[in-house]
Amino acid sequence: MTLTRGDVENNPEHLESLLGEYHDVRRGWHPDYQSWRIFHALSFFIGGSTFIAGTVCLFFPGYDTLSAMLYIIGSLGFLAVDVQEFFTFSGGVLRANIAMSMAGSTLYVIGSAGFLPAVFAWWSAVGIWGFIGGSAVIGVSQAIKTYRIGCTNTSGRFCLRHLLTDPDACTAAGVEMGACVGAWCFFFGTGLFNRGPLDGPESVLRAVLWTWVAGSCFFTAGALCLAYRHFRMNIV
């Protein structure tokens, strides 16, 4: 399936319509509205960029509270994307997939709050396992989305070549794989954080932080792919 300029201009929902129609057809707020696309892309970008800023804060002493607050904002950005999609698209499989991502983002919100110094001192497991659990759920969910995009070809079976050569599928996979790889970076980074040690000559803290920076950059790259689809390709 090759995307032509006419496809882009005349069928803005395109790939997403192969995965699930707009909920209630055209009633309410839907992706044909520019405001829908702005909110969608901006929420995702806020998620990734505040995760970068929140991780950078941890390289400097005394910024733990600011870091946790930035992570909370970012997690709410990711959750906003999932909630928006859940109430926009229909189709049982697609909505179940979105609900899975939504559950992971909710765990991220809980995990981010768990890294507030007062909460972390009370029960560190809230932050650590919120992020480990959320990352695992998001990582699996995004991998499923990527697989489903790879099946949107004439054969109906997964085709890596289709993902790499079709502009629509390639950029859609960029959105989902950005979040997928980002989540797994946080999964392994937080697991390493939990194992420690976090100080002394054997400290793993810097390795953890750089893994989180990498994950945050992948999240942001996914957001940029989404913005490119919305505002350059004119597709969802």
Foldseek 3Di string as FASTA:
>chain_A
DADDLCCLVPPQAPLVVVVFAWPVHPPDDELVDPVLLCLLLVLLLLLLVLLLVLLVLVVDPPCQQVSLVSQLSSLVSQLVNLVSVLNTTDDVVVNVLSVLLNVLSVLSNQLSVCSRVVNCVVPVCRNLVSLLVSLVSLLVSLVVVLLCLQLPDPVSHRDVVCCVPHPVNVLLNLLSVLQNQLSVLSNVLSVDVVVADCDDPRGCVVVSSVSSSSSSVSSNRSSVSSSCSCPVSSHD
